[in-house]
Amino acid sequence: MKVVLQRVSSASVSIDSVVKEKINRGFMLLIGVADSDGLEEIDYLVRKISHLRVFEDENDKMNLSLLDVAGQILSISQFTLYADTKKGNRPSFTKAGRPEHAQQIYNQFNESLQNAGIKVATGEFGADMAVSLVNDGPVTIIFDTDNK
């Protein structure tokens, strides 16, 4: 799995110009799934993301986790994270997971985050979405379970 995490002060996702979900302080996640991804990758990412210490403490040091600040997550499925741009100018997406598998893993990932005590808002799998966010910091971190 690949995840692009951005610390946000707010984020929202719209479908057909209608806001579907929005969050305040927390993380906006773009989630890419490969066919080889399963529970091991989900467990690893949920542990890393929920305990990632990137929120400031009373001394302005990035020392607090999402759980510490009662932050929220906006989770967006993003198969294009698996784009292969080695040949030509048109990316290939053959490394992205099959839609049925990717949707199952994406849903399980979001459920696991919720089970960890995090409020999770989501986009709609496979939909054409418009994502808006205010990146706080900016703080952007990339996770790739192939490189853990």
N, C-alpha and C. Protein backbone atom coordinates (compact mmCIF):
# COMPACT_ATOMS: atom_id res chain seq x y z
N MET A 1 0.85 -1.18 0.00
CA MET A 1 0.00 0.00 0.00
C MET A 1 0.89 1.23 0.00
N LYS A 2 0.36 2.26 -0.60
CA LYS A 2 1.02 3.56 -0.59
C LYS A 2 0.04 4.56 0.00
N VAL A 3 0.57 5.42 0.88
CA VAL A 3 -0.25 6.46 1.49
C VAL A 3 0.52 7.77 1.45
N VAL A 4 -0.15 8.80 0.94
CA VAL A 4 0.37 10.16 1.05
C VAL A 4 -0.44 10.83 2.15
N LEU A 5 0.24 11.21 3.22
CA LEU A 5 -0.39 11.82 4.39
C LEU A 5 -0.06 13.30 4.40
N GLN A 6 -1.09 14.12 4.57
CA GLN A 6 -0.88 15.55 4.75
C GLN A 6 -1.57 15.98 6.04
N ARG A 7 -0.80 16.67 6.88
CA ARG A 7 -1.40 17.24 8.09
C ARG A 7 -2.20 18.45 7.66
N VAL A 8 -3.47 18.50 8.09
CA VAL A 8 -4.36 19.57 7.63
C VAL A 8 -5.04 20.27 8.80
N SER A 9 -5.39 21.52 8.55
CA SER A 9 -6.25 22.22 9.51
C SER A 9 -7.71 22.03 9.11
N SER A 10 -7.93 21.68 7.83
CA SER A 10 -9.26 21.32 7.35
C SER A 10 -9.12 20.64 5.99
N ALA A 11 -10.12 19.82 5.66
CA ALA A 11 -10.13 19.14 4.35
C ALA A 11 -11.56 18.72 4.05
N SER A 12 -11.87 18.63 2.76
CA SER A 12 -13.20 18.19 2.35
C SER A 12 -13.11 17.48 1.02
N VAL A 13 -14.14 16.67 0.75
CA VAL A 13 -14.25 16.00 -0.53
C VAL A 13 -15.65 16.25 -1.08
N SER A 14 -15.69 16.61 -2.36
CA SER A 14 -16.97 16.88 -3.03
C SER A 14 -17.14 15.95 -4.21
N ILE A 15 -18.39 15.57 -4.46
CA ILE A 15 -18.76 14.79 -5.63
C ILE A 15 -19.90 15.52 -6.31
N ASP A 16 -19.75 15.77 -7.61
CA ASP A 16 -20.74 16.54 -8.38
C ASP A 16 -21.02 17.88 -7.71
N SER A 17 -19.97 18.55 -7.26
CA SER A 17 -20.02 19.88 -6.65
C SER A 17 -20.76 19.93 -5.31
N VAL A 18 -21.01 18.77 -4.70
CA VAL A 18 -21.67 18.71 -3.40
C VAL A 18 -20.67 18.14 -2.38
N VAL A 19 -20.45 18.86 -1.27
CA VAL A 19 -19.54 18.38 -0.25
C VAL A 19 -20.10 17.11 0.37
N LYS A 20 -19.33 16.02 0.26
CA LYS A 20 -19.74 14.74 0.81
C LYS A 20 -19.29 14.59 2.26
N GLU A 21 -18.04 14.97 2.53
CA GLU A 21 -17.46 14.86 3.87
C GLU A 21 -16.49 16.01 4.09
N LYS A 22 -16.29 16.36 5.36
CA LYS A 22 -15.27 17.35 5.70
C LYS A 22 -14.76 17.06 7.10
N ILE A 23 -13.52 17.46 7.33
CA ILE A 23 -12.91 17.30 8.64
C ILE A 23 -12.23 18.60 9.04
N ASN A 24 -11.90 18.68 10.31
CA ASN A 24 -11.09 19.77 10.81
C ASN A 24 -9.67 19.25 11.00
N ARG A 25 -9.01 19.60 12.04
CA ARG A 25 -7.62 19.23 12.31
C ARG A 25 -7.40 17.73 12.20
N GLY A 26 -6.37 17.37 11.45
CA GLY A 26 -6.05 15.95 11.34
C GLY A 26 -5.21 15.65 10.12
N PHE A 27 -5.52 14.51 9.47
CA PHE A 27 -4.78 14.06 8.30
C PHE A 27 -5.71 13.87 7.11
N MET A 28 -5.24 14.26 5.94
CA MET A 28 -5.88 13.89 4.69
C MET A 28 -4.98 12.82 4.11
N LEU A 29 -5.56 11.65 3.83
CA LEU A 29 -4.80 10.52 3.32
C LEU A 29 -5.23 10.19 1.90
N LEU A 30 -4.25 10.01 1.01
CA LEU A 30 -4.49 9.43 -0.30
C LEU A 30 -4.00 8.00 -0.21
N ILE A 31 -4.86 7.02 -0.53
CA ILE A 31 -4.57 5.61 -0.32
C ILE A 31 -4.50 4.88 -1.66
N GLY A 32 -3.37 4.22 -1.92
CA GLY A 32 -3.22 3.37 -3.10
C GLY A 32 -3.03 1.93 -2.66
N VAL A 33 -3.69 1.01 -3.36
CA VAL A 33 -3.66 -0.40 -2.99
C VAL A 33 -3.16 -1.24 -4.16
N ALA A 34 -2.29 -2.20 -3.86
CA ALA A 34 -1.82 -3.19 -4.85
C ALA A 34 -2.51 -4.52 -4.56
N ASP A 35 -2.49 -5.41 -5.54
CA ASP A 35 -3.13 -6.71 -5.36
C ASP A 35 -2.49 -7.55 -4.25
N SER A 36 -1.23 -7.28 -3.94
CA SER A 36 -0.53 -8.05 -2.90
C SER A 36 -0.81 -7.54 -1.49
N ASP A 37 -1.54 -6.45 -1.35
CA ASP A 37 -1.79 -5.86 -0.03
C ASP A 37 -2.88 -6.61 0.73
N GLY A 38 -2.68 -6.69 2.06
CA GLY A 38 -3.64 -7.39 2.91
C GLY A 38 -3.59 -6.86 4.33
N LEU A 39 -3.96 -7.70 5.29
CA LEU A 39 -4.07 -7.29 6.69
C LEU A 39 -2.74 -6.83 7.28
N GLU A 40 -1.65 -7.45 6.87
CA GLU A 40 -0.34 -7.04 7.39
C GLU A 40 -0.05 -5.58 7.06
N GLU A 41 -0.32 -5.19 5.84
CA GLU A 41 -0.08 -3.81 5.41
C GLU A 41 -1.03 -2.84 6.13
N ILE A 42 -2.28 -3.26 6.26
CA ILE A 42 -3.26 -2.43 6.97
C ILE A 42 -2.82 -2.20 8.41
N ASP A 43 -2.48 -3.26 9.12
CA ASP A 43 -2.07 -3.15 10.53
C ASP A 43 -0.85 -2.24 10.69
N TYR A 44 0.12 -2.41 9.80
CA TYR A 44 1.32 -1.59 9.85
C TYR A 44 0.98 -0.11 9.68
N LEU A 45 0.19 0.21 8.66
CA LEU A 45 -0.14 1.61 8.38
C LEU A 45 -1.01 2.23 9.46
N VAL A 46 -1.97 1.49 9.97
CA VAL A 46 -2.82 2.03 11.03
C VAL A 46 -1.97 2.36 12.26
N ARG A 47 -1.06 1.48 12.61
CA ARG A 47 -0.18 1.71 13.77
C ARG A 47 0.70 2.94 13.53
N LYS A 48 1.32 3.02 12.34
CA LYS A 48 2.22 4.14 12.06
C LYS A 48 1.47 5.48 11.99
N ILE A 49 0.33 5.49 11.31
CA ILE A 49 -0.40 6.74 11.11
C ILE A 49 -1.03 7.23 12.41
N SER A 50 -1.63 6.35 13.17
CA SER A 50 -2.31 6.79 14.40
C SER A 50 -1.34 7.27 15.47
N HIS A 51 -0.10 6.79 15.42
CA HIS A 51 0.89 7.18 16.44
C HIS A 51 1.96 8.14 15.91
N LEU A 52 1.84 8.57 14.65
CA LEU A 52 2.81 9.48 14.05
C LEU A 52 2.81 10.81 14.80
N ARG A 53 3.95 11.19 15.33
CA ARG A 53 4.03 12.39 16.17
C ARG A 53 4.43 13.60 15.32
N VAL A 54 3.42 14.27 14.76
CA VAL A 54 3.67 15.44 13.91
C VAL A 54 2.83 16.65 14.31
N PHE A 55 2.19 16.59 15.47
CA PHE A 55 1.44 17.73 15.97
C PHE A 55 2.24 18.36 17.11
N GLU A 56 2.20 19.71 17.17
CA GLU A 56 3.01 20.42 18.16
C GLU A 56 2.49 20.25 19.58
N ASP A 57 3.44 20.11 20.50
CA ASP A 57 3.12 20.09 21.92
C ASP A 57 3.19 21.52 22.46
N GLU A 58 3.15 21.66 23.79
CA GLU A 58 3.17 22.99 24.41
C GLU A 58 4.47 23.74 24.17
N ASN A 59 5.54 23.03 23.72
CA ASN A 59 6.82 23.65 23.43
C ASN A 59 7.05 23.83 21.92
N ASP A 60 5.98 23.73 21.15
CA ASP A 60 6.05 23.87 19.69
C ASP A 60 6.94 22.83 19.02
N LYS A 61 7.07 21.67 19.64
CA LYS A 61 7.81 20.54 19.06
C LYS A 61 6.82 19.53 18.52
N MET A 62 7.11 18.97 17.35
CA MET A 62 6.24 17.93 16.79
C MET A 62 6.41 16.67 17.65
N ASN A 63 5.51 16.53 18.63
CA ASN A 63 5.67 15.48 19.62
C ASN A 63 4.35 14.78 19.94
N LEU A 64 3.25 15.21 19.32
CA LEU A 64 1.93 14.64 19.62
C LEU A 64 1.38 13.90 18.41
N SER A 65 0.63 12.84 18.69
CA SER A 65 0.04 12.03 17.62
C SER A 65 -1.39 12.49 17.33
N LEU A 66 -1.95 11.93 16.29
CA LEU A 66 -3.35 12.18 15.94
C LEU A 66 -4.26 11.80 17.10
N LEU A 67 -3.95 10.69 17.75
CA LEU A 67 -4.74 10.25 18.91
C LEU A 67 -4.63 11.25 20.05
N ASP A 68 -3.43 11.81 20.26
CA ASP A 68 -3.22 12.77 21.35
C ASP A 68 -4.04 14.04 21.16
N VAL A 69 -4.26 14.45 19.91
CA VAL A 69 -4.95 15.72 19.65
C VAL A 69 -6.40 15.51 19.22
N ALA A 70 -6.88 14.26 19.30
CA ALA A 70 -8.25 13.90 18.87
C ALA A 70 -8.50 14.39 17.45
N GLY A 71 -7.52 14.16 16.59
CA GLY A 71 -7.63 14.58 15.19
C GLY A 71 -8.51 13.64 14.39
N GLN A 72 -8.84 14.07 13.18
CA GLN A 72 -9.71 13.33 12.28
C GLN A 72 -8.94 12.97 11.01
N ILE A 73 -9.50 12.05 10.24
CA ILE A 73 -8.89 11.65 8.97
C ILE A 73 -9.92 11.78 7.86
N LEU A 74 -9.47 12.33 6.74
CA LEU A 74 -10.22 12.25 5.49
C LEU A 74 -9.45 11.29 4.61
N SER A 75 -10.03 10.15 4.29
CA SER A 75 -9.38 9.08 3.55
C SER A 75 -9.94 9.02 2.13
N ILE A 76 -9.03 9.12 1.15
CA ILE A 76 -9.42 9.15 -0.26
C ILE A 76 -8.68 8.04 -1.01
N SER A 77 -9.43 7.20 -1.69
CA SER A 77 -8.82 6.15 -2.50
C SER A 77 -8.17 6.79 -3.73
N GLN A 78 -6.94 6.35 -4.07
CA GLN A 78 -6.16 7.03 -5.11
C GLN A 78 -5.29 6.02 -5.86
N PHE A 79 -5.87 5.31 -6.82
CA PHE A 79 -5.11 4.30 -7.56
C PHE A 79 -3.94 4.88 -8.32
N THR A 80 -3.97 6.18 -8.63
CA THR A 80 -2.90 6.78 -9.42
C THR A 80 -1.57 6.85 -8.66
N LEU A 81 -1.57 6.52 -7.38
CA LEU A 81 -0.30 6.44 -6.65
C LEU A 81 0.58 5.33 -7.20
N TYR A 82 -0.02 4.40 -7.92
CA TYR A 82 0.73 3.30 -8.53
C TYR A 82 1.05 3.56 -10.00
N ALA A 83 1.03 4.81 -10.41
CA ALA A 83 1.36 5.15 -11.79
C ALA A 83 2.81 4.77 -12.10
N ASP A 84 3.01 4.17 -13.26
CA ASP A 84 4.34 3.85 -13.75
C ASP A 84 4.62 4.81 -14.92
N THR A 85 5.63 5.65 -14.75
CA THR A 85 5.92 6.68 -15.75
C THR A 85 7.26 6.44 -16.45
N LYS A 86 7.76 5.21 -16.38
CA LYS A 86 9.07 4.91 -16.95
C LYS A 86 9.11 5.04 -18.47
N LYS A 87 8.03 4.66 -19.14
CA LYS A 87 8.01 4.68 -20.60
C LYS A 87 6.98 5.70 -21.08
N GLY A 88 7.39 6.50 -22.03
CA GLY A 88 6.46 7.42 -22.67
C GLY A 88 5.95 8.50 -21.73
N ASN A 89 4.88 9.16 -22.17
CA ASN A 89 4.30 10.26 -21.41
C ASN A 89 2.95 9.94 -20.82
N ARG A 90 2.43 8.76 -21.12
CA ARG A 90 1.14 8.36 -20.55
C ARG A 90 1.39 7.31 -19.48
N PRO A 91 1.00 7.59 -18.24
CA PRO A 91 1.28 6.63 -17.17
C PRO A 91 0.51 5.32 -17.34
N SER A 92 1.13 4.26 -16.88
CA SER A 92 0.48 2.96 -16.84
C SER A 92 0.05 2.71 -15.39
N PHE A 93 -1.13 2.11 -15.23
CA PHE A 93 -1.65 1.85 -13.88
C PHE A 93 -1.78 0.35 -13.62
N THR A 94 -1.01 -0.45 -14.33
CA THR A 94 -1.12 -1.91 -14.19
C THR A 94 -0.67 -2.40 -12.81
N LYS A 95 0.09 -1.61 -12.09
CA LYS A 95 0.54 -2.02 -10.75
C LYS A 95 -0.50 -1.74 -9.68
N ALA A 96 -1.53 -0.97 -10.01
CA ALA A 96 -2.62 -0.69 -9.06
C ALA A 96 -3.46 -1.95 -8.88
N GLY A 97 -4.02 -2.11 -7.70
CA GLY A 97 -4.84 -3.28 -7.41
C GLY A 97 -6.13 -3.31 -8.22
N ARG A 98 -6.60 -4.52 -8.47
CA ARG A 98 -7.90 -4.67 -9.13
C ARG A 98 -8.95 -3.95 -8.29
N PRO A 99 -9.93 -3.32 -8.90
CA PRO A 99 -10.90 -2.52 -8.15
C PRO A 99 -11.59 -3.27 -7.01
N GLU A 100 -11.98 -4.53 -7.23
CA GLU A 100 -12.68 -5.28 -6.17
C GLU A 100 -11.78 -5.46 -4.95
N HIS A 101 -10.51 -5.83 -5.20
CA HIS A 101 -9.56 -6.03 -4.10
C HIS A 101 -9.23 -4.69 -3.44
N ALA A 102 -8.95 -3.68 -4.25
CA ALA A 102 -8.57 -2.38 -3.71
C ALA A 102 -9.68 -1.79 -2.84
N GLN A 103 -10.93 -1.94 -3.27
CA GLN A 103 -12.04 -1.41 -2.48
C GLN A 103 -12.16 -2.14 -1.15
N GLN A 104 -11.99 -3.45 -1.16
CA GLN A 104 -12.06 -4.24 0.07
C GLN A 104 -10.96 -3.81 1.05
N ILE A 105 -9.73 -3.67 0.56
CA ILE A 105 -8.61 -3.27 1.42
C ILE A 105 -8.80 -1.84 1.92
N TYR A 106 -9.24 -0.96 1.05
CA TYR A 106 -9.50 0.44 1.43
C TYR A 106 -10.55 0.49 2.55
N ASN A 107 -11.63 -0.25 2.40
CA ASN A 107 -12.68 -0.27 3.43
C ASN A 107 -12.17 -0.85 4.74
N GLN A 108 -11.39 -1.93 4.66
CA GLN A 108 -10.83 -2.54 5.87
C GLN A 108 -9.85 -1.59 6.56
N PHE A 109 -9.07 -0.87 5.78
CA PHE A 109 -8.13 0.11 6.32
C PHE A 109 -8.88 1.20 7.09
N ASN A 110 -9.93 1.75 6.49
CA ASN A 110 -10.70 2.79 7.16
C ASN A 110 -11.38 2.27 8.42
N GLU A 111 -11.89 1.05 8.37
CA GLU A 111 -12.52 0.44 9.54
C GLU A 111 -11.50 0.24 10.65
N SER A 112 -10.29 -0.18 10.30
CA SER A 112 -9.24 -0.36 11.30
C SER A 112 -8.84 0.97 11.94
N LEU A 113 -8.80 2.04 11.16
CA LEU A 113 -8.53 3.36 11.73
C LEU A 113 -9.63 3.75 12.71
N GLN A 114 -10.88 3.50 12.35
CA GLN A 114 -12.00 3.80 13.25
C GLN A 114 -11.91 2.96 14.53
N ASN A 115 -11.54 1.69 14.39
CA ASN A 115 -11.39 0.82 15.55
C ASN A 115 -10.26 1.27 16.46
N ALA A 116 -9.31 2.05 15.92
CA ALA A 116 -8.22 2.60 16.71
C ALA A 116 -8.66 3.87 17.45
N GLY A 117 -9.90 4.28 17.26
CA GLY A 117 -10.43 5.44 17.97
C GLY A 117 -10.37 6.74 17.20
N ILE A 118 -10.24 6.66 15.88
CA ILE A 118 -10.12 7.85 15.05
C ILE A 118 -11.40 8.05 14.25
N LYS A 119 -11.87 9.30 14.19
CA LYS A 119 -13.01 9.63 13.34
C LYS A 119 -12.50 9.68 11.90
N VAL A 120 -13.13 8.86 11.03
CA VAL A 120 -12.69 8.77 9.64
C VAL A 120 -13.83 9.17 8.71
N ALA A 121 -13.56 10.13 7.85
CA ALA A 121 -14.47 10.51 6.78
C ALA A 121 -13.85 10.00 5.49
N THR A 122 -14.67 9.64 4.52
CA THR A 122 -14.14 9.07 3.29
C THR A 122 -14.75 9.72 2.06
N GLY A 123 -14.04 9.54 0.97
CA GLY A 123 -14.61 9.86 -0.33
C GLY A 123 -15.44 8.66 -0.77
N GLU A 124 -15.71 8.59 -2.06
CA GLU A 124 -16.47 7.47 -2.61
C GLU A 124 -15.57 6.71 -3.56
N PHE A 125 -15.33 5.44 -3.27
CA PHE A 125 -14.41 4.64 -4.06
C PHE A 125 -14.81 4.67 -5.53
N GLY A 126 -13.86 4.99 -6.40
CA GLY A 126 -14.09 4.99 -7.84
C GLY A 126 -14.78 6.22 -8.40
N ALA A 127 -15.18 7.13 -7.54
CA ALA A 127 -15.89 8.33 -8.01
C ALA A 127 -14.91 9.40 -8.47
N ASP A 128 -15.39 10.32 -9.26
CA ASP A 128 -14.65 11.51 -9.66
C ASP A 128 -14.86 12.53 -8.54
N MET A 129 -13.81 12.80 -7.78
CA MET A 129 -13.93 13.62 -6.58
C MET A 129 -13.09 14.88 -6.69
N ALA A 130 -13.51 15.92 -6.01
CA ALA A 130 -12.73 17.14 -5.85
C ALA A 130 -12.35 17.23 -4.37
N VAL A 131 -11.05 17.23 -4.10
CA VAL A 131 -10.56 17.26 -2.73
C VAL A 131 -9.96 18.63 -2.46
N SER A 132 -10.38 19.23 -1.35
CA SER A 132 -9.85 20.53 -0.93
C SER A 132 -9.22 20.35 0.43
N LEU A 133 -8.10 21.05 0.65
CA LEU A 133 -7.46 20.94 1.95
C LEU A 133 -6.61 22.16 2.23
N VAL A 134 -6.40 22.40 3.50
CA VAL A 134 -5.45 23.40 3.96
C VAL A 134 -4.35 22.63 4.65
N ASN A 135 -3.20 22.48 3.96
CA ASN A 135 -2.07 21.75 4.48
C ASN A 135 -1.46 22.57 5.61
N ASP A 136 -1.34 21.98 6.77
CA ASP A 136 -0.86 22.66 7.97
C ASP A 136 0.63 22.38 8.13
N GLY A 137 1.45 23.39 7.93
CA GLY A 137 2.88 23.23 8.11
C GLY A 137 3.69 23.87 7.00
N PRO A 138 3.71 23.33 5.83
CA PRO A 138 3.10 22.08 5.39
C PRO A 138 3.84 20.85 5.92
N VAL A 139 3.06 19.83 6.20
CA VAL A 139 3.62 18.53 6.58
C VAL A 139 3.03 17.49 5.64
N THR A 140 3.89 16.84 4.87
CA THR A 140 3.48 15.78 3.96
C THR A 140 4.45 14.63 4.12
N ILE A 141 3.91 13.43 4.35
CA ILE A 141 4.72 12.23 4.58
C ILE A 141 4.19 11.12 3.70
N ILE A 142 5.11 10.37 3.09
CA ILE A 142 4.74 9.27 2.20
C ILE A 142 5.09 7.94 2.86
N PHE A 143 4.12 7.04 2.89
CA PHE A 143 4.32 5.67 3.38
C PHE A 143 4.21 4.71 2.21
N ASP A 144 5.09 3.74 2.15
CA ASP A 144 5.04 2.68 1.15
C ASP A 144 5.36 1.38 1.87
N THR A 145 4.40 0.48 1.96
CA THR A 145 4.62 -0.74 2.74
C THR A 145 5.66 -1.65 2.09
N ASP A 146 6.03 -1.41 0.84
CA ASP A 146 7.12 -2.17 0.23
C ASP A 146 8.47 -1.72 0.77
N ASN A 147 8.51 -0.57 1.43
CA ASN A 147 9.76 -0.02 1.98
C ASN A 147 9.65 0.22 3.49
N LYS A 148 9.00 -0.68 4.21
CA LYS A 148 8.85 -0.44 5.65
C LYS A 148 10.04 -0.93 6.44
